[in-house]
PDB file of N, CA and C in Angstrom:
ATOM      1  N   MET A   1      19.670   3.055 -46.115  1.00  0.00           N
ATOM      2  CA  MET A   1      19.420   4.241 -45.383  1.00  0.00           C
ATOM      3  C   MET A   1      18.169   4.197 -44.448  1.00  0.00           C
ATOM      4  N   LEU A   2      16.895   3.757 -44.984  1.00  0.00           N
ATOM      5  CA  LEU A   2      15.719   3.429 -43.937  1.00  0.00           C
ATOM      6  C   LEU A   2      16.035   2.803 -43.153  1.00  0.00           C
ATOM      7  N   GLY A   3      16.935   1.317 -43.171  1.00  0.00           N
ATOM      8  CA  GLY A   3      17.048   0.529 -42.025  1.00  0.00           C
ATOM      9  C   GLY A   3      17.916   1.159 -40.969  1.00  0.00           C
ATOM     10  N   GLU A   4      18.945   1.957 -41.457  1.00  0.00           N
ATOM     11  CA  GLU A   4      19.365   2.619 -40.418  1.00  0.00           C
ATOM     12  C   GLU A   4      18.378   3.684 -39.644  1.00  0.00           C
ATOM     13  N   ARG A   5      17.909   4.343 -40.151  1.00  0.00           N
ATOM     14  CA  ARG A   5      16.829   5.540 -39.453  1.00  0.00           C
ATOM     15  C   ARG A   5      16.002   4.598 -38.587  1.00  0.00           C
ATOM     16  N   LEU A   6      15.538   3.281 -39.309  1.00  0.00           N
ATOM     17  CA  LEU A   6      14.507   2.776 -38.335  1.00  0.00           C
ATOM     18  C   LEU A   6      15.077   2.257 -37.018  1.00  0.00           C
ATOM     19  N   GLN A   7      16.391   1.791 -37.099  1.00  0.00           N
ATOM     20  CA  GLN A   7      17.236   1.385 -36.007  1.00  0.00           C
ATOM     21  C   GLN A   7      17.422   2.480 -35.022  1.00  0.00           C
ATOM     22  N   VAL A   8      17.692   3.541 -35.628  1.00  0.00           N
ATOM     23  CA  VAL A   8      17.681   4.806 -34.522  1.00  0.00           C
ATOM     24  C   VAL A   8      16.660   5.095 -34.207  1.00  0.00           C
ATOM     25  N   TRP A   9      15.395   4.993 -34.804  1.00  0.00           N
ATOM     26  CA  TRP A   9      13.882   5.199 -34.190  1.00  0.00           C
ATOM     27  C   TRP A   9      13.731   4.273 -33.451  1.00  0.00           C
ATOM     28  N   LEU A  10      13.839   2.976 -33.494  1.00  0.00           N
ATOM     29  CA  LEU A  10      13.518   1.917 -32.670  1.00  0.00           C
ATOM     30  C   LEU A  10      14.567   2.208 -31.270  1.00  0.00           C
ATOM     31  N   LYS A  11      15.831   2.376 -31.278  1.00  0.00           N
ATOM     32  CA  LYS A  11      16.319   2.497 -30.311  1.00  0.00           C
ATOM     33  C   LYS A  11      15.743   3.906 -29.481  1.00  0.00           C
ATOM     34  N   LYS A  12      15.536   5.393 -29.927  1.00  0.00           N
ATOM     35  CA  LYS A  12      15.071   5.993 -29.356  1.00  0.00           C
ATOM     36  C   LYS A  12      13.735   5.949 -28.574  1.00  0.00           C
ATOM     37  N   LEU A  13      12.831   5.025 -29.313  1.00  0.00           N
ATOM     38  CA  LEU A  13      11.750   4.665 -28.549  1.00  0.00           C
ATOM     39  C   LEU A  13      11.944   3.844 -27.282  1.00  0.00           C
ATOM     40  N   LYS A  14      12.888   2.954 -27.445  1.00  0.00           N
ATOM     41  CA  LYS A  14      13.096   1.967 -26.484  1.00  0.00           C
ATOM     42  C   LYS A  14      13.684   2.911 -24.833  1.00  0.00           C
ATOM     43  N   ILE A  15      14.287   3.912 -25.080  1.00  0.00           N
ATOM     44  CA  ILE A  15      14.993   4.742 -24.230  1.00  0.00           C
ATOM     45  C   ILE A  15      13.825   5.567 -23.723  1.00  0.00           C
ATOM     46  N   ALA A  16      12.748   6.148 -24.814  1.00  0.00           N
ATOM     47  CA  ALA A  16      11.686   6.666 -23.929  1.00  0.00           C
ATOM     48  C   ALA A  16      10.891   6.287 -23.138  1.00  0.00           C
ATOM     49  N   VAL A  17      10.598   4.788 -23.633  1.00  0.00           N
ATOM     50  CA  VAL A  17       9.717   3.956 -22.917  1.00  0.00           C
ATOM     51  C   VAL A  17      10.506   3.486 -21.584  1.00  0.00           C
ATOM     52  N   ILE A  18      11.679   3.299 -21.603  1.00  0.00           N
ATOM     53  CA  ILE A  18      12.077   2.958 -20.245  1.00  0.00           C
ATOM     54  C   ILE A  18      12.212   4.350 -19.483  1.00  0.00           C
ATOM     55  N   GLN A  19      12.223   5.373 -20.001  1.00  0.00           N
ATOM     56  CA  GLN A  19      12.306   6.624 -18.953  1.00  0.00           C
ATOM     57  C   GLN A  19      11.257   7.073 -18.854  1.00  0.00           C
ATOM     58  N   LYS A  20       9.909   6.512 -19.358  1.00  0.00           N
ATOM     59  CA  LYS A  20       8.578   7.416 -19.427  1.00  0.00           C
ATOM     60  C   LYS A  20       8.687   8.438 -19.893  1.00  0.00           C
ATOM     61  N   ASP A  21       9.078   8.535 -20.927  1.00  0.00           N
ATOM     62  CA  ASP A  21       9.129  10.206 -21.412  1.00  0.00           C
ATOM     63  C   ASP A  21       8.294  10.282 -22.568  1.00  0.00           C
ATOM     64  N   MET A  22       6.639  10.767 -21.867  1.00  0.00           N
ATOM     65  CA  MET A  22       5.460  10.817 -22.807  1.00  0.00           C
ATOM     66  C   MET A  22       6.072  11.996 -24.082  1.00  0.00           C
ATOM     67  N   ALA A  23       6.580  12.802 -23.709  1.00  0.00           N
ATOM     68  CA  ALA A  23       6.633  14.055 -24.950  1.00  0.00           C
ATOM     69  C   ALA A  23       7.597  13.355 -25.979  1.00  0.00           C
ATOM     70  N   MET A  24       8.623  12.521 -25.699  1.00  0.00           N
ATOM     71  CA  MET A  24       9.355  11.874 -26.649  1.00  0.00           C
ATOM     72  C   MET A  24       8.686  11.005 -27.316  1.00  0.00           C
ATOM     73  N   ILE A  25       8.043   9.781 -26.677  1.00  0.00           N
ATOM     74  CA  ILE A  25       7.170   8.805 -27.145  1.00  0.00           C
ATOM     75  C   ILE A  25       6.364   9.571 -28.254  1.00  0.00           C
ATOM     76  N   ASN A  26       5.508  10.792 -28.108  1.00  0.00           N
ATOM     77  CA  ASN A  26       4.537  10.911 -28.582  1.00  0.00           C
ATOM     78  C   ASN A  26       5.125  11.762 -30.104  1.00  0.00           C
ATOM     79  N   HIS A  27       6.462  12.206 -29.573  1.00  0.00           N
ATOM     80  CA  HIS A  27       7.257  13.069 -30.985  1.00  0.00           C
ATOM     81  C   HIS A  27       7.502  11.761 -31.666  1.00  0.00           C
ATOM     82  N   LEU A  28       8.336  10.466 -31.122  1.00  0.00           N
ATOM     83  CA  LEU A  28       8.473   9.362 -32.195  1.00  0.00           C
ATOM     84  C   LEU A  28       7.399   8.727 -32.809  1.00  0.00           C
ATOM     85  N   LEU A  29       6.137   8.556 -32.316  1.00  0.00           N
ATOM     86  CA  LEU A  29       5.012   8.083 -33.109  1.00  0.00           C
ATOM     87  C   LEU A  29       4.496   8.817 -33.992  1.00  0.00           C
ATOM     88  N   GLU A  30       4.736  10.422 -33.634  1.00  0.00           N
ATOM     89  CA  GLU A  30       4.444  11.222 -34.741  1.00  0.00           C
ATOM     90  C   GLU A  30       5.010  10.879 -36.293  1.00  0.00           C
ATOM     91  N   ASP A  31       6.398  10.550 -35.859  1.00  0.00           N
ATOM     92  CA  ASP A  31       7.443  10.497 -36.788  1.00  0.00           C
ATOM     93  C   ASP A  31       7.649   8.951 -36.982  1.00  0.00           C
ATOM     94  N   MET A  32       7.180   8.267 -37.262  1.00  0.00           N
ATOM     95  CA  MET A  32       6.878   6.679 -37.191  1.00  0.00           C
ATOM     96  C   MET A  32       7.748   6.183 -38.620  1.00  0.00           C
ATOM     97  N   PRO A  33       8.891   5.564 -38.788  1.00  0.00           N
ATOM     98  CA  PRO A  33       8.977   5.174 -39.919  1.00  0.00           C
ATOM     99  C   PRO A  33       8.370   3.897 -40.675  1.00  0.00           C
ATOM    100  N   LYS A  34       8.228   3.907 -41.886  1.00  0.00           N
ATOM    101  CA  LYS A  34       7.748   3.010 -42.538  1.00  0.00           C
ATOM    102  C   LYS A  34       8.668   1.460 -42.114  1.00  0.00           C
ATOM    103  N   LEU A  35       7.820   0.770 -41.575  1.00  0.00           N
ATOM    104  CA  LEU A  35       8.053  -0.665 -41.056  1.00  0.00           C
ATOM    105  C   LEU A  35       7.944  -1.880 -42.132  1.00  0.00           C
ATOM    106  N   GLU A  36       9.234  -2.276 -42.769  1.00  0.00           N
ATOM    107  CA  GLU A  36       9.288  -3.140 -43.814  1.00  0.00           C
ATOM    108  C   GLU A  36       9.138  -4.744 -43.051  1.00  0.00           C
ATOM    109  N   ASN A  37       9.982  -4.872 -42.226  1.00  0.00           N
ATOM    110  CA  ASN A  37      10.717  -6.105 -41.832  1.00  0.00           C
ATOM    111  C   ASN A  37       9.833  -6.739 -40.789  1.00  0.00           C
ATOM    112  N   ILE A  38       9.259  -7.956 -40.593  1.00  0.00           N
ATOM    113  CA  ILE A  38       8.311  -8.364 -39.717  1.00  0.00           C
ATOM    114  C   ILE A  38       9.074  -8.297 -37.983  1.00  0.00           C
ATOM    115  N   GLU A  39      10.189  -8.635 -38.047  1.00  0.00           N
ATOM    116  CA  GLU A  39      10.673  -8.385 -36.884  1.00  0.00           C
ATOM    117  C   GLU A  39      10.961  -6.752 -36.137  1.00  0.00           C
ATOM    118  N   ASP A  40      11.129  -5.880 -37.076  1.00  0.00           N
ATOM    119  CA  ASP A  40      10.913  -4.545 -36.743  1.00  0.00           C
ATOM    120  C   ASP A  40       9.514  -4.496 -36.452  1.00  0.00           C
ATOM    121  N   MET A  41       8.523  -4.657 -36.920  1.00  0.00           N
ATOM    122  CA  MET A  41       7.083  -4.339 -36.973  1.00  0.00           C
ATOM    123  C   MET A  41       6.742  -5.166 -35.471  1.00  0.00           C
ATOM    124  N   LYS A  42       7.164  -6.420 -35.167  1.00  0.00           N
ATOM    125  CA  LYS A  42       6.976  -6.970 -33.679  1.00  0.00           C
ATOM    126  C   LYS A  42       7.699  -6.153 -32.285  1.00  0.00           C
ATOM    127  N   GLN A  43       8.848  -5.468 -32.914  1.00  0.00           N
ATOM    128  CA  GLN A  43       9.676  -4.720 -31.868  1.00  0.00           C
ATOM    129  C   GLN A  43       8.905  -3.341 -31.483  1.00  0.00           C
ATOM    130  N   ALA A  44       8.348  -2.802 -32.712  1.00  0.00           N
ATOM    131  CA  ALA A  44       7.536  -1.642 -32.648  1.00  0.00           C
ATOM    132  C   ALA A  44       6.397  -1.727 -31.971  1.00  0.00           C
ATOM    133  N   GLN A  45       5.644  -2.834 -32.202  1.00  0.00           N
ATOM    134  CA  GLN A  45       4.342  -3.310 -31.670  1.00  0.00           C
ATOM    135  C   GLN A  45       4.477  -3.584 -29.797  1.00  0.00           C
ATOM    136  N   PHE A  46       5.643  -4.206 -29.589  1.00  0.00           N
ATOM    137  CA  PHE A  46       6.006  -4.398 -28.271  1.00  0.00           C
ATOM    138  C   PHE A  46       6.223  -3.178 -27.718  1.00  0.00           C
ATOM    139  N   LEU A  47       7.048  -2.222 -28.097  1.00  0.00           N
ATOM    140  CA  LEU A  47       7.226  -0.777 -27.641  1.00  0.00           C
ATOM    141  C   LEU A  47       6.059   0.079 -27.605  1.00  0.00           C
ATOM    142  N   ILE A  48       5.412  -0.016 -28.305  1.00  0.00           N
ATOM    143  CA  ILE A  48       4.388   0.641 -28.781  1.00  0.00           C
ATOM    144  C   ILE A  48       3.111   0.219 -27.505  1.00  0.00           C
ATOM    145  N   GLU A  49       3.095  -1.124 -27.179  1.00  0.00           N
ATOM    146  CA  GLU A  49       2.126  -1.647 -26.277  1.00  0.00           C
ATOM    147  C   GLU A  49       2.746  -1.227 -24.950  1.00  0.00           C
ATOM    148  N   GLU A  50       4.065  -1.071 -24.633  1.00  0.00           N
ATOM    149  CA  GLU A  50       4.353  -0.731 -23.398  1.00  0.00           C
ATOM    150  C   GLU A  50       4.294   0.400 -23.060  1.00  0.00           C
ATOM    151  N   ALA A  51       4.155   1.658 -24.332  1.00  0.00           N
ATOM    152  CA  ALA A  51       3.981   3.160 -24.185  1.00  0.00           C
ATOM    153  C   ALA A  51       2.492   3.217 -23.583  1.00  0.00           C
ATOM    154  N   THR A  52       1.686   2.502 -24.304  1.00  0.00           N
ATOM    155  CA  THR A  52       0.122   2.616 -24.128  1.00  0.00           C
ATOM    156  C   THR A  52       0.055   2.162 -22.824  1.00  0.00           C
ATOM    157  N   SER A  53       0.482   1.423 -21.983  1.00  0.00           N
ATOM    158  CA  SER A  53       0.313   0.770 -20.555  1.00  0.00           C
ATOM    159  C   SER A  53       0.774   1.805 -19.782  1.00  0.00           C
ATOM    160  N   ILE A  54       1.918   2.558 -20.097  1.00  0.00           N
ATOM    161  CA  ILE A  54       2.685   3.602 -19.339  1.00  0.00           C
ATOM    162  C   ILE A  54       1.585   4.760 -19.417  1.00  0.00           C
ATOM    163  N   VAL A  55       1.015   5.125 -20.269  1.00  0.00           N
ATOM    164  CA  VAL A  55       0.011   6.212 -20.356  1.00  0.00           C
ATOM    165  C   VAL A  55      -1.177   6.179 -19.486  1.00  0.00           C
ATOM    166  N   GLN A  56      -1.941   4.736 -19.696  1.00  0.00           N
ATOM    167  CA  GLN A  56      -2.628   4.064 -18.911  1.00  0.00           C
ATOM    168  C   GLN A  56      -2.542   4.163 -17.278  1.00  0.00           C
ATOM    169  N   LYS A  57      -1.423   3.801 -17.120  1.00  0.00           N
ATOM    170  CA  LYS A  57      -0.707   3.820 -15.577  1.00  0.00           C
ATOM    171  C   LYS A  57      -0.772   5.645 -15.197  1.00  0.00           C
ATOM    172  N   LEU A  58      -0.221   5.912 -15.861  1.00  0.00           N
ATOM    173  CA  LEU A  58      -0.085   7.621 -15.528  1.00  0.00           C
ATOM    174  C   LEU A  58      -1.639   8.221 -15.470  1.00  0.00           C
ATOM    175  N   LYS A  59      -2.419   7.945 -16.253  1.00  0.00           N
ATOM    176  CA  LYS A  59      -3.916   8.278 -16.129  1.00  0.00           C
ATOM    177  C   LYS A  59      -4.356   7.951 -15.081  1.00  0.00           C
ATOM    178  N   ASP A  60      -4.289   6.536 -14.441  1.00  0.00           N
ATOM    179  CA  ASP A  60      -4.719   6.185 -13.512  1.00  0.00           C
ATOM    180  C   ASP A  60      -4.404   6.750 -12.023  1.00  0.00           C
ATOM    181  N   ASP A  61      -3.026   6.885 -12.491  1.00  0.00           N
ATOM    182  CA  ASP A  61      -2.314   7.840 -10.879  1.00  0.00           C
ATOM    183  C   ASP A  61      -2.710   9.114 -11.090  1.00  0.00           C
ATOM    184  N   THR A  62      -3.274   9.895 -11.969  1.00  0.00           N
ATOM    185  CA  THR A  62      -3.749  11.256 -12.199  1.00  0.00           C
ATOM    186  C   THR A  62      -4.946  10.889 -11.483  1.00  0.00           C
ATOM    187  N   VAL A  63      -6.017  10.135 -11.716  1.00  0.00           N
ATOM    188  CA  VAL A  63      -7.488  10.171 -11.218  1.00  0.00           C
ATOM    189  C   VAL A  63      -6.999  10.003  -9.822  1.00  0.00           C
ATOM    190  N   THR A  64      -6.406   8.928  -9.400  1.00  0.00           N
ATOM    191  CA  THR A  64      -6.338   8.819  -8.064  1.00  0.00           C
ATOM    192  C   THR A  64      -5.866   9.971  -7.092  1.00  0.00           C
ATOM    193  N   SER A  65      -4.610  10.625  -7.663  1.00  0.00           N
ATOM    194  CA  SER A  65      -4.201  11.855  -7.168  1.00  0.00           C
ATOM    195  C   SER A  65      -5.526  12.903  -6.840  1.00  0.00           C
ATOM    196  N   MET A  66      -6.117  13.087  -8.150  1.00  0.00           N
ATOM    197  CA  MET A  66      -7.326  14.143  -7.975  1.00  0.00           C
ATOM    198  C   MET A  66      -8.312  14.025  -6.941  1.00  0.00           C
ATOM    199  N   GLN A  67      -8.910  12.353  -6.976  1.00  0.00           N
ATOM    200  CA  GLN A  67      -9.719  11.895  -5.770  1.00  0.00           C
ATOM    201  C   GLN A  67      -9.181  12.281  -4.802  1.00  0.00           C
ATOM    202  N   GLN A  68      -7.842  11.706  -4.316  1.00  0.00           N
ATOM    203  CA  GLN A  68      -7.372  12.289  -2.869  1.00  0.00           C
ATOM    204  C   GLN A  68      -7.248  13.473  -2.754  1.00  0.00           C
ATOM    205  N   MET A  69      -7.135  14.454  -3.267  1.00  0.00           N
ATOM    206  CA  MET A  69      -7.020  15.877  -3.144  1.00  0.00           C
ATOM    207  C   MET A  69      -8.576  16.291  -3.074  1.00  0.00           C
ATOM    208  N   LYS A  70      -9.479  15.742  -3.742  1.00  0.00           N
ATOM    209  CA  LYS A  70     -10.887  16.395  -3.690  1.00  0.00           C
ATOM    210  C   LYS A  70     -11.119  15.599  -2.156  1.00  0.00           C
ATOM    211  N   LYS A  71     -10.702  14.680  -1.436  1.00  0.00           N
ATOM    212  CA  LYS A  71     -10.875  14.092  -0.250  1.00  0.00           C
ATOM    213  C   LYS A  71     -10.663  15.370   0.881  1.00  0.00           C
ATOM    214  N   ASN A  72      -9.103  15.296   0.400  1.00  0.00           N
ATOM    215  CA  ASN A  72      -8.311  16.440   1.500  1.00  0.00           C
ATOM    216  C   ASN A  72      -9.042  17.931   1.277  1.00  0.00           C
ATOM    217  N   ILE A  73      -9.734  18.228   0.095  1.00  0.00           N
ATOM    218  CA  ILE A  73     -10.492  19.662   0.472  1.00  0.00           C
ATOM    219  C   ILE A  73     -11.503  19.191   1.453  1.00  0.00           C
ATOM    220  N   ASP A  74     -12.385  18.441   0.866  1.00  0.00           N
ATOM    221  CA  ASP A  74     -13.491  17.837   1.673  1.00  0.00           C
ATOM    222  C   ASP A  74     -13.287  18.031   2.898  1.00  0.00           C
ATOM    223  N   PHE A  75     -12.203  17.518   3.543  1.00  0.00           N
ATOM    224  CA  PHE A  75     -11.883  17.280   4.810  1.00  0.00           C
ATOM    225  C   PHE A  75     -11.755  18.479   5.423  1.00  0.00           C
ATOM    226  N   LEU A  76     -11.131  19.479   4.749  1.00  0.00           N
ATOM    227  CA  LEU A  76     -10.405  20.602   5.291  1.00  0.00           C
ATOM    228  C   LEU A  76     -11.590  21.539   5.319  1.00  0.00           C
ATOM    229  N   LYS A  77     -12.568  21.533   4.563  1.00  0.00           N
ATOM    230  CA  LYS A  77     -13.894  22.131   4.340  1.00  0.00           C
ATOM    231  C   LYS A  77     -14.537  22.098   5.801  1.00  0.00           C
ATOM    232  N   SER A  78     -14.629  20.756   6.010  1.00  0.00           N
ATOM    233  CA  SER A  78     -15.528  20.508   7.042  1.00  0.00           C
ATOM    234  C   SER A  78     -15.068  20.669   8.459  1.00  0.00           C
ATOM    235  N   ALA A  79     -13.633  20.618   8.741  1.00  0.00           N
ATOM    236  CA  ALA A  79     -12.771  20.964   9.709  1.00  0.00           C
ATOM    237  C   ALA A  79     -13.037  22.571   9.903  1.00  0.00           C
ATOM    238  N   ILE A  80     -13.181  23.377   8.864  1.00  0.00           N
ATOM    239  CA  ILE A  80     -13.073  24.554   9.450  1.00  0.00           C
ATOM    240  C   ILE A  80     -14.776  24.995   9.778  1.00  0.00           C
ATOM    241  N   GLY A  81     -15.611  24.607   9.377  1.00  0.00           N
ATOM    242  CA  GLY A  81     -16.834  24.499   9.851  1.00  0.00           C
ATOM    243  C   GLY A  81     -17.257  26.064   9.124  1.00  0.00           C
ATOM    244  N   ASP A  82     -19.035  26.589   9.655  1.00  0.00           N
ATOM    245  CA  ASP A  82     -19.028  27.701   9.158  1.00  0.00           C
ATOM    246  C   ASP A  82     -18.703  28.816  10.186  1.00  0.00           C
ATOM    247  N   THR A  83     -18.294  29.966   9.148  1.00  0.00           N
ATOM    248  CA  THR A  83     -17.883  31.426  10.449  1.00  0.00           C
ATOM    249  C   THR A  83     -18.768  31.909  10.466  1.00  0.00           C
ATOM    250  N   PRO A  84     -18.938  32.492  11.776  1.00  0.00           N
ATOM    251  CA  PRO A  84     -20.280  33.293  12.074  1.00  0.00           C
ATOM    252  C   PRO A  84     -20.296  34.415  11.682  1.00  0.00           C
ATOM    253  N   ALA A  85     -21.464  34.809  10.979  1.00  0.00           N
ATOM    254  CA  ALA A  85     -21.645  36.037  10.176  1.00  0.00           C
ATOM    255  C   ALA A  85     -21.340  37.344  11.120  1.00  0.00           C
ATOM    256  N   LYS A  86     -20.885  38.232  10.773  1.00  0.00           N
ATOM    257  CA  LYS A  86     -20.183  39.495  11.215  1.00  0.00           C
ATOM    258  C   LYS A  86     -21.262  40.610  10.864  1.00  0.00           C
ATOM    259  N   PHE A  87     -21.703  41.234  11.905  1.00  0.00           N
ATOM    260  CA  PHE A  87     -22.653  42.613  11.856  1.00  0.00           C
ATOM    261  C   PHE A  87     -21.839  43.675  12.163  1.00  0.00           C
ATOM    262  N   ASP A  88     -21.277  44.271  10.871  1.00  0.00           N
ATOM    263  CA  ASP A  88     -20.480  45.650  11.056  1.00  0.00           C
ATOM    264  C   ASP A  88     -21.463  47.212  11.266  1.00  0.00           C
ATOM    265  N   ILE A  89     -21.711  47.374  12.331  1.00  0.00           N
ATOM    266  CA  ILE A  89     -22.481  48.789  12.433  1.00  0.00           C
ATOM    267  C   ILE A  89     -21.800  49.853  12.840  1.00  0.00           C
ATOM    268  N   THR A  90     -20.363  49.661  12.518  1.00  0.00           N
ATOM    269  CA  THR A  90     -19.491  50.993  12.570  1.00  0.00           C
ATOM    270  C   THR A  90     -19.581  52.042  11.441  1.00  0.00           C
ATOM    271  N   SER A  91     -19.919  51.450  10.267  1.00  0.00           N
ATOM    272  CA  SER A  91     -19.369  52.228   9.319  1.00  0.00           C
ATOM    273  C   SER A  91     -20.745  53.096   8.909  1.00  0.00           C
TER     274      SER A  91
END
């Protein structure tokens, strides 16, 4: 029974890594079965390393996107310039 559960878990983890489905990866890692076979351990290790690589890439992409947005905002602010102050004496 444990062997079958482990094989299903490994298959789901493979699919989650291929699809870069971080929610599923997190769920599977939280519900990781006990690994008793060295081959299963190696396979799980490889998949977890791949998941870690995906997380790092997503993190790097997010940082790059945020830096680009900041540059765009700074550019837009500089292009607008200061608006002249209005003095409303009609009230």
